[in-house]
């Protein structure tokens, strides 16, 4: 088995973030359209997050050339790591607000930490081989 290149992880990170930009743009557009036709900010926010999240996943899925056999697993892992990344980002934002007391800096730090943690968790989880973890069989020694 050949070793991946040194820049493979960086390439995956760049594609992941490009997919996030696509999701952000489509989510923002859907928020705007939703507010125009049905001016309810709660609905528009939820709708925009659904469109943005699905767009981010879809763009990442296509750009990373993931296989269709594992689309359900990829979707579940992507969203689970996204939720964890959001929680980590929120904690970072809260800590930065308390110590730095600058909302822009706190937002930037929270976004950076959240994005990196979502990517790293997703990347590691996609490479995780659960069959290797099934080593808890007891071997009887005589």
N, C-alpha and C. Protein backbone atom coordinates (compact mmCIF):
# COMPACT_ATOMS: atom_id res chain seq x y z
N UNK A 1 0.84 -1.17 0.00
CA UNK A 1 0.00 0.00 0.00
C UNK A 1 0.90 1.24 0.00
N UNK A 2 0.62 2.18 -0.86
CA UNK A 2 1.45 3.38 -0.94
C UNK A 2 1.01 4.41 0.09
N UNK A 3 1.97 5.18 0.53
CA UNK A 3 1.71 6.22 1.52
C UNK A 3 1.17 7.46 0.81
N UNK A 4 0.13 8.11 1.40
CA UNK A 4 -0.38 9.32 0.76
C UNK A 4 0.66 10.44 0.83
N UNK A 5 0.61 11.34 -0.13
CA UNK A 5 1.56 12.45 -0.17
C UNK A 5 1.44 13.35 1.04
N UNK A 6 2.46 14.14 1.25
CA UNK A 6 2.48 15.04 2.40
C UNK A 6 1.38 16.09 2.35
N UNK A 7 0.99 16.46 1.15
CA UNK A 7 -0.02 17.50 1.00
C UNK A 7 -1.44 16.95 0.89
N UNK A 8 -1.62 15.65 1.01
CA UNK A 8 -2.95 15.05 0.87
C UNK A 8 -3.92 15.58 1.92
N UNK A 9 -3.48 15.68 3.16
CA UNK A 9 -4.33 16.21 4.22
C UNK A 9 -4.68 17.66 3.98
N UNK A 10 -3.71 18.43 3.52
CA UNK A 10 -3.96 19.85 3.23
C UNK A 10 -4.94 20.00 2.07
N UNK A 11 -4.81 19.14 1.07
CA UNK A 11 -5.74 19.16 -0.06
C UNK A 11 -7.16 18.84 0.40
N UNK A 12 -7.31 17.83 1.26
CA UNK A 12 -8.63 17.49 1.79
C UNK A 12 -9.21 18.65 2.59
N UNK A 13 -8.37 19.34 3.38
CA UNK A 13 -8.82 20.49 4.15
C UNK A 13 -9.29 21.62 3.24
N UNK A 14 -8.56 21.87 2.17
CA UNK A 14 -8.94 22.94 1.23
C UNK A 14 -10.26 22.60 0.52
N UNK A 15 -10.41 21.35 0.09
CA UNK A 15 -11.66 20.95 -0.54
C UNK A 15 -12.83 21.01 0.44
N UNK A 16 -12.58 20.61 1.67
CA UNK A 16 -13.59 20.65 2.73
C UNK A 16 -14.06 22.08 2.94
N UNK A 17 -13.11 23.04 2.99
CA UNK A 17 -13.46 24.43 3.20
C UNK A 17 -14.10 25.06 1.96
N UNK A 18 -13.69 24.64 0.78
CA UNK A 18 -14.35 25.11 -0.43
C UNK A 18 -15.81 24.65 -0.44
N UNK A 19 -16.03 23.41 -0.03
CA UNK A 19 -17.40 22.90 0.08
C UNK A 19 -18.19 23.68 1.12
N UNK A 20 -17.53 24.10 2.19
CA UNK A 20 -18.19 24.91 3.22
C UNK A 20 -18.60 26.26 2.66
N UNK A 21 -17.76 26.85 1.83
CA UNK A 21 -18.10 28.14 1.20
C UNK A 21 -19.32 27.97 0.29
N UNK A 22 -19.35 26.89 -0.46
CA UNK A 22 -20.51 26.61 -1.32
C UNK A 22 -21.76 26.47 -0.47
N UNK A 23 -21.67 25.71 0.62
CA UNK A 23 -22.80 25.55 1.53
C UNK A 23 -23.23 26.87 2.14
N UNK A 24 -22.27 27.70 2.52
CA UNK A 24 -22.58 29.01 3.09
C UNK A 24 -23.31 29.90 2.09
N UNK A 25 -22.81 29.93 0.85
CA UNK A 25 -23.44 30.77 -0.17
C UNK A 25 -24.86 30.30 -0.49
N UNK A 26 -25.03 29.00 -0.66
CA UNK A 26 -26.37 28.48 -0.95
C UNK A 26 -27.31 28.63 0.26
N UNK A 27 -26.78 28.47 1.46
CA UNK A 27 -27.58 28.68 2.66
C UNK A 27 -28.00 30.14 2.81
N UNK A 28 -27.09 31.06 2.52
CA UNK A 28 -27.40 32.48 2.59
C UNK A 28 -28.44 32.86 1.54
N UNK A 29 -28.29 32.33 0.35
CA UNK A 29 -29.26 32.60 -0.72
C UNK A 29 -30.64 32.04 -0.34
N UNK A 30 -30.66 30.85 0.24
CA UNK A 30 -31.95 30.27 0.62
C UNK A 30 -32.59 31.05 1.77
N UNK A 31 -31.78 31.59 2.67
CA UNK A 31 -32.31 32.44 3.74
C UNK A 31 -32.98 33.68 3.14
N UNK A 32 -32.29 34.30 2.20
CA UNK A 32 -32.80 35.51 1.56
C UNK A 32 -34.11 35.24 0.81
N UNK A 33 -34.12 34.18 0.03
CA UNK A 33 -35.32 33.82 -0.74
C UNK A 33 -36.47 33.48 0.21
N UNK A 34 -36.17 32.73 1.24
CA UNK A 34 -37.19 32.35 2.21
C UNK A 34 -37.78 33.58 2.90
N UNK A 35 -36.92 34.52 3.28
CA UNK A 35 -37.42 35.74 3.95
C UNK A 35 -38.25 36.59 2.98
N UNK A 36 -37.94 36.54 1.71
CA UNK A 36 -38.70 37.31 0.72
C UNK A 36 -40.10 36.74 0.54
N UNK A 37 -40.21 35.39 0.44
CA UNK A 37 -41.50 34.78 0.20
C UNK A 37 -42.28 34.45 1.46
N UNK A 38 -41.59 34.16 2.53
CA UNK A 38 -42.24 33.78 3.79
C UNK A 38 -41.44 34.41 4.93
N UNK A 39 -41.74 35.67 5.27
CA UNK A 39 -40.88 36.41 6.21
C UNK A 39 -40.99 35.94 7.67
N UNK A 40 -40.46 34.77 7.91
CA UNK A 40 -40.39 34.24 9.27
C UNK A 40 -38.92 33.90 9.52
N UNK A 41 -38.22 34.68 10.35
CA UNK A 41 -36.77 34.46 10.51
C UNK A 41 -36.41 33.09 11.08
N UNK A 42 -37.24 32.52 11.95
CA UNK A 42 -36.94 31.20 12.50
C UNK A 42 -36.99 30.14 11.41
N UNK A 43 -38.06 30.17 10.61
CA UNK A 43 -38.16 29.22 9.51
C UNK A 43 -37.02 29.42 8.52
N UNK A 44 -36.76 30.68 8.18
CA UNK A 44 -35.70 30.98 7.20
C UNK A 44 -34.35 30.50 7.71
N UNK A 45 -34.08 30.66 9.00
CA UNK A 45 -32.81 30.23 9.59
C UNK A 45 -32.69 28.71 9.52
N UNK A 46 -33.76 28.01 9.91
CA UNK A 46 -33.74 26.54 9.85
C UNK A 46 -33.62 26.04 8.42
N UNK A 47 -34.37 26.65 7.51
CA UNK A 47 -34.32 26.27 6.10
C UNK A 47 -32.92 26.52 5.53
N UNK A 48 -32.35 27.68 5.84
CA UNK A 48 -31.01 28.01 5.34
C UNK A 48 -29.96 27.06 5.88
N UNK A 49 -30.07 26.67 7.14
CA UNK A 49 -29.12 25.72 7.71
C UNK A 49 -29.25 24.35 7.07
N UNK A 50 -30.47 23.93 6.78
CA UNK A 50 -30.67 22.65 6.12
C UNK A 50 -30.08 22.69 4.71
N UNK A 51 -30.38 23.74 3.96
CA UNK A 51 -29.85 23.86 2.60
C UNK A 51 -28.33 23.99 2.63
N UNK A 52 -27.81 24.83 3.52
CA UNK A 52 -26.36 25.02 3.62
C UNK A 52 -25.64 23.75 4.03
N UNK A 53 -26.18 23.04 5.02
CA UNK A 53 -25.55 21.81 5.49
C UNK A 53 -25.56 20.73 4.43
N UNK A 54 -26.70 20.57 3.75
CA UNK A 54 -26.78 19.57 2.69
C UNK A 54 -25.88 19.93 1.51
N UNK A 55 -25.81 21.23 1.20
CA UNK A 55 -24.93 21.68 0.12
C UNK A 55 -23.47 21.45 0.47
N UNK A 56 -23.11 21.73 1.72
CA UNK A 56 -21.74 21.51 2.19
C UNK A 56 -21.39 20.03 2.08
N UNK A 57 -22.29 19.17 2.56
CA UNK A 57 -22.05 17.73 2.48
C UNK A 57 -21.94 17.28 1.03
N UNK A 58 -22.89 17.71 0.19
CA UNK A 58 -22.90 17.29 -1.21
C UNK A 58 -21.66 17.74 -1.97
N UNK A 59 -21.27 18.99 -1.77
CA UNK A 59 -20.08 19.50 -2.45
C UNK A 59 -18.83 18.77 -1.97
N UNK A 60 -18.73 18.56 -0.66
CA UNK A 60 -17.58 17.84 -0.11
C UNK A 60 -17.55 16.41 -0.63
N UNK A 61 -18.71 15.78 -0.67
CA UNK A 61 -18.83 14.41 -1.14
C UNK A 61 -18.33 14.28 -2.58
N UNK A 62 -18.76 15.21 -3.43
CA UNK A 62 -18.36 15.15 -4.84
C UNK A 62 -16.89 15.53 -5.03
N UNK A 63 -16.44 16.59 -4.35
CA UNK A 63 -15.05 17.04 -4.56
C UNK A 63 -14.04 16.07 -3.98
N UNK A 64 -14.40 15.36 -2.91
CA UNK A 64 -13.49 14.38 -2.32
C UNK A 64 -13.57 13.03 -3.05
N UNK A 65 -14.48 12.93 -4.01
CA UNK A 65 -14.69 11.71 -4.80
C UNK A 65 -14.95 10.49 -3.91
N UNK A 66 -15.90 10.66 -3.00
CA UNK A 66 -16.24 9.57 -2.10
C UNK A 66 -17.13 8.58 -2.83
N UNK A 67 -17.11 7.34 -2.39
CA UNK A 67 -17.86 6.28 -3.06
C UNK A 67 -19.33 6.31 -2.64
N UNK A 68 -20.20 5.86 -3.55
CA UNK A 68 -21.63 5.87 -3.25
C UNK A 68 -22.04 4.73 -2.32
N UNK A 69 -21.19 3.71 -2.17
CA UNK A 69 -21.54 2.60 -1.29
C UNK A 69 -21.66 3.03 0.16
N UNK A 70 -20.92 4.03 0.53
CA UNK A 70 -20.88 4.44 1.93
C UNK A 70 -21.53 5.80 2.15
N UNK A 71 -22.49 6.19 1.32
CA UNK A 71 -23.06 7.53 1.43
C UNK A 71 -23.81 7.73 2.75
N UNK A 72 -24.50 6.71 3.23
CA UNK A 72 -25.23 6.84 4.50
C UNK A 72 -24.24 7.03 5.66
N UNK A 73 -23.19 6.21 5.68
CA UNK A 73 -22.18 6.34 6.73
C UNK A 73 -21.52 7.72 6.66
N UNK A 74 -21.16 8.14 5.44
CA UNK A 74 -20.52 9.44 5.26
C UNK A 74 -21.43 10.57 5.76
N UNK A 75 -22.72 10.48 5.44
CA UNK A 75 -23.67 11.51 5.83
C UNK A 75 -23.80 11.58 7.35
N UNK A 76 -23.91 10.42 7.99
CA UNK A 76 -24.05 10.38 9.45
C UNK A 76 -22.79 10.90 10.12
N UNK A 77 -21.63 10.43 9.68
CA UNK A 77 -20.36 10.87 10.27
C UNK A 77 -20.16 12.36 10.05
N UNK A 78 -20.45 12.85 8.85
CA UNK A 78 -20.27 14.26 8.52
C UNK A 78 -21.11 15.13 9.45
N UNK A 79 -22.37 14.76 9.64
CA UNK A 79 -23.26 15.56 10.49
C UNK A 79 -22.92 15.43 11.97
N UNK A 80 -22.54 14.24 12.40
CA UNK A 80 -22.16 14.06 13.80
C UNK A 80 -20.90 14.87 14.13
N UNK A 81 -19.91 14.82 13.25
CA UNK A 81 -18.70 15.60 13.50
C UNK A 81 -18.96 17.09 13.35
N UNK A 82 -19.93 17.45 12.52
CA UNK A 82 -20.32 18.86 12.41
C UNK A 82 -20.94 19.37 13.69
N UNK A 83 -21.76 18.55 14.33
CA UNK A 83 -22.37 18.94 15.62
C UNK A 83 -21.29 19.06 16.69
N UNK A 84 -20.37 18.10 16.72
CA UNK A 84 -19.26 18.19 17.68
C UNK A 84 -18.40 19.43 17.42
N UNK A 85 -18.13 19.70 16.14
CA UNK A 85 -17.36 20.89 15.78
C UNK A 85 -18.07 22.16 16.21
N UNK A 86 -19.40 22.19 16.07
CA UNK A 86 -20.19 23.34 16.50
C UNK A 86 -20.10 23.53 18.01
N UNK A 87 -20.17 22.44 18.77
CA UNK A 87 -20.08 22.54 20.23
C UNK A 87 -18.69 23.02 20.66
N UNK A 88 -17.66 22.52 20.00
CA UNK A 88 -16.29 22.96 20.30
C UNK A 88 -16.12 24.42 19.93
N UNK A 89 -16.67 24.83 18.79
CA UNK A 89 -16.60 26.23 18.36
C UNK A 89 -17.33 27.14 19.35
N UNK A 90 -18.47 26.69 19.84
CA UNK A 90 -19.24 27.48 20.80
C UNK A 90 -18.48 27.65 22.10
N UNK A 91 -17.82 26.58 22.55
CA UNK A 91 -17.01 26.66 23.77
C UNK A 91 -15.84 27.62 23.57
N UNK A 92 -15.19 27.53 22.41
CA UNK A 92 -14.08 28.44 22.12
C UNK A 92 -14.56 29.89 22.07
N UNK A 93 -15.71 30.11 21.45
CA UNK A 93 -16.29 31.45 21.38
C UNK A 93 -16.55 31.99 22.80
N UNK A 94 -17.14 31.15 23.65
CA UNK A 94 -17.45 31.58 25.01
C UNK A 94 -16.19 31.92 25.80
N UNK A 95 -15.17 31.08 25.69
CA UNK A 95 -13.91 31.33 26.39
C UNK A 95 -13.27 32.62 25.87
N UNK A 96 -13.27 32.80 24.56
CA UNK A 96 -12.67 34.00 23.97
C UNK A 96 -13.43 35.26 24.38
N UNK A 97 -14.75 35.18 24.43
CA UNK A 97 -15.55 36.34 24.85
C UNK A 97 -15.22 36.70 26.29
N UNK A 98 -15.07 35.69 27.14
CA UNK A 98 -14.77 35.95 28.55
C UNK A 98 -13.39 36.56 28.75
N UNK A 99 -12.40 36.07 28.02
CA UNK A 99 -11.03 36.52 28.24
C UNK A 99 -10.59 37.66 27.33
N UNK A 100 -10.97 37.63 26.08
CA UNK A 100 -10.54 38.67 25.15
C UNK A 100 -11.52 39.84 25.14
N UNK A 101 -12.81 39.54 25.29
CA UNK A 101 -13.89 40.51 25.30
C UNK A 101 -13.96 41.34 24.03
N UNK A 102 -13.74 40.66 22.91
CA UNK A 102 -13.88 41.28 21.61
C UNK A 102 -14.67 40.29 20.75
N UNK A 103 -15.88 40.69 20.34
CA UNK A 103 -16.76 39.75 19.66
C UNK A 103 -16.21 39.29 18.31
N UNK A 104 -15.52 40.16 17.60
CA UNK A 104 -14.96 39.76 16.30
C UNK A 104 -13.87 38.73 16.48
N UNK A 105 -12.97 38.98 17.42
CA UNK A 105 -11.89 38.02 17.68
C UNK A 105 -12.46 36.70 18.19
N UNK A 106 -13.47 36.76 19.04
CA UNK A 106 -14.09 35.55 19.56
C UNK A 106 -14.76 34.76 18.43
N UNK A 107 -15.43 35.47 17.53
CA UNK A 107 -16.07 34.79 16.40
C UNK A 107 -15.02 34.13 15.51
N UNK A 108 -13.94 34.84 15.22
CA UNK A 108 -12.88 34.28 14.38
C UNK A 108 -12.24 33.06 15.04
N UNK A 109 -11.94 33.15 16.34
CA UNK A 109 -11.34 32.01 17.04
C UNK A 109 -12.30 30.82 17.08
N UNK A 110 -13.56 31.10 17.39
CA UNK A 110 -14.56 30.03 17.42
C UNK A 110 -14.72 29.37 16.06
N UNK A 111 -14.75 30.18 15.01
CA UNK A 111 -14.89 29.64 13.65
C UNK A 111 -13.68 28.81 13.26
N UNK A 112 -12.49 29.29 13.56
CA UNK A 112 -11.27 28.57 13.23
C UNK A 112 -11.21 27.23 13.96
N UNK A 113 -11.43 27.26 15.25
CA UNK A 113 -11.37 26.03 16.06
C UNK A 113 -12.49 25.07 15.65
N UNK A 114 -13.68 25.60 15.40
CA UNK A 114 -14.80 24.76 15.00
C UNK A 114 -14.58 24.10 13.65
N UNK A 115 -14.08 24.87 12.69
CA UNK A 115 -13.82 24.34 11.36
C UNK A 115 -12.75 23.26 11.40
N UNK A 116 -11.67 23.55 12.09
CA UNK A 116 -10.58 22.57 12.17
C UNK A 116 -11.01 21.31 12.91
N UNK A 117 -11.75 21.47 14.00
CA UNK A 117 -12.18 20.28 14.75
C UNK A 117 -13.18 19.46 13.93
N UNK A 118 -14.09 20.11 13.21
CA UNK A 118 -15.03 19.38 12.35
C UNK A 118 -14.28 18.62 11.27
N UNK A 119 -13.31 19.26 10.64
CA UNK A 119 -12.54 18.60 9.60
C UNK A 119 -11.73 17.43 10.16
N UNK A 120 -11.01 17.65 11.25
CA UNK A 120 -10.15 16.60 11.82
C UNK A 120 -10.99 15.42 12.30
N UNK A 121 -12.08 15.71 13.01
CA UNK A 121 -12.95 14.63 13.48
C UNK A 121 -13.54 13.85 12.30
N UNK A 122 -14.00 14.56 11.28
CA UNK A 122 -14.57 13.90 10.10
C UNK A 122 -13.51 13.07 9.38
N UNK A 123 -12.34 13.65 9.20
CA UNK A 123 -11.26 12.96 8.50
C UNK A 123 -10.85 11.69 9.24
N UNK A 124 -10.69 11.78 10.55
CA UNK A 124 -10.30 10.61 11.35
C UNK A 124 -11.40 9.56 11.37
N UNK A 125 -12.65 10.01 11.52
CA UNK A 125 -13.77 9.06 11.59
C UNK A 125 -13.97 8.33 10.27
N UNK A 126 -13.72 9.01 9.15
CA UNK A 126 -13.89 8.36 7.85
C UNK A 126 -12.81 7.29 7.63
N UNK A 127 -11.67 7.45 8.26
CA UNK A 127 -10.58 6.48 8.11
C UNK A 127 -10.64 5.38 9.16
N UNK A 128 -11.53 5.52 10.13
CA UNK A 128 -11.62 4.57 11.24
C UNK A 128 -12.09 3.21 10.75
N UNK A 129 -11.38 2.19 11.14
CA UNK A 129 -11.72 0.82 10.77
C UNK A 129 -12.21 0.11 12.03
N UNK A 130 -13.53 0.00 12.17
CA UNK A 130 -14.10 -0.60 13.37
C UNK A 130 -13.82 -2.09 13.47
N UNK A 131 -13.52 -2.73 12.36
CA UNK A 131 -13.23 -4.16 12.39
C UNK A 131 -11.93 -4.43 13.15
N UNK A 132 -11.01 -3.48 13.12
CA UNK A 132 -9.75 -3.63 13.86
C UNK A 132 -9.98 -3.54 15.36
N UNK A 133 -11.06 -2.84 15.75
CA UNK A 133 -11.35 -2.67 17.18
C UNK A 133 -11.95 -3.92 17.79
N UNK A 134 -12.32 -4.88 16.99
CA UNK A 134 -12.94 -6.09 17.47
C UNK A 134 -11.86 -7.07 17.92
N UNK A 135 -10.98 -6.60 18.78
CA UNK A 135 -9.88 -7.44 19.26
C UNK A 135 -10.05 -7.80 20.73
N UNK A 136 -11.26 -7.66 21.21
CA UNK A 136 -11.50 -7.93 22.63
C UNK A 136 -11.84 -9.40 22.90
N UNK A 137 -11.48 -10.25 21.98
CA UNK A 137 -11.69 -11.68 22.20
C UNK A 137 -10.66 -12.19 23.17
N UNK A 138 -11.14 -12.90 24.13
CA UNK A 138 -10.23 -13.43 25.13
C UNK A 138 -9.59 -14.71 24.61
N UNK A 139 -8.33 -14.77 24.72
CA UNK A 139 -7.59 -15.95 24.32
C UNK A 139 -7.26 -16.72 25.58
N UNK A 140 -7.71 -17.96 25.63
CA UNK A 140 -7.45 -18.77 26.80
C UNK A 140 -6.01 -19.26 26.78
N UNK A 141 -5.34 -18.97 27.84
CA UNK A 141 -3.97 -19.47 27.93
C UNK A 141 -3.97 -20.70 28.81
N UNK A 142 -3.26 -21.70 28.40
CA UNK A 142 -3.22 -22.95 29.17
C UNK A 142 -1.87 -23.20 29.72
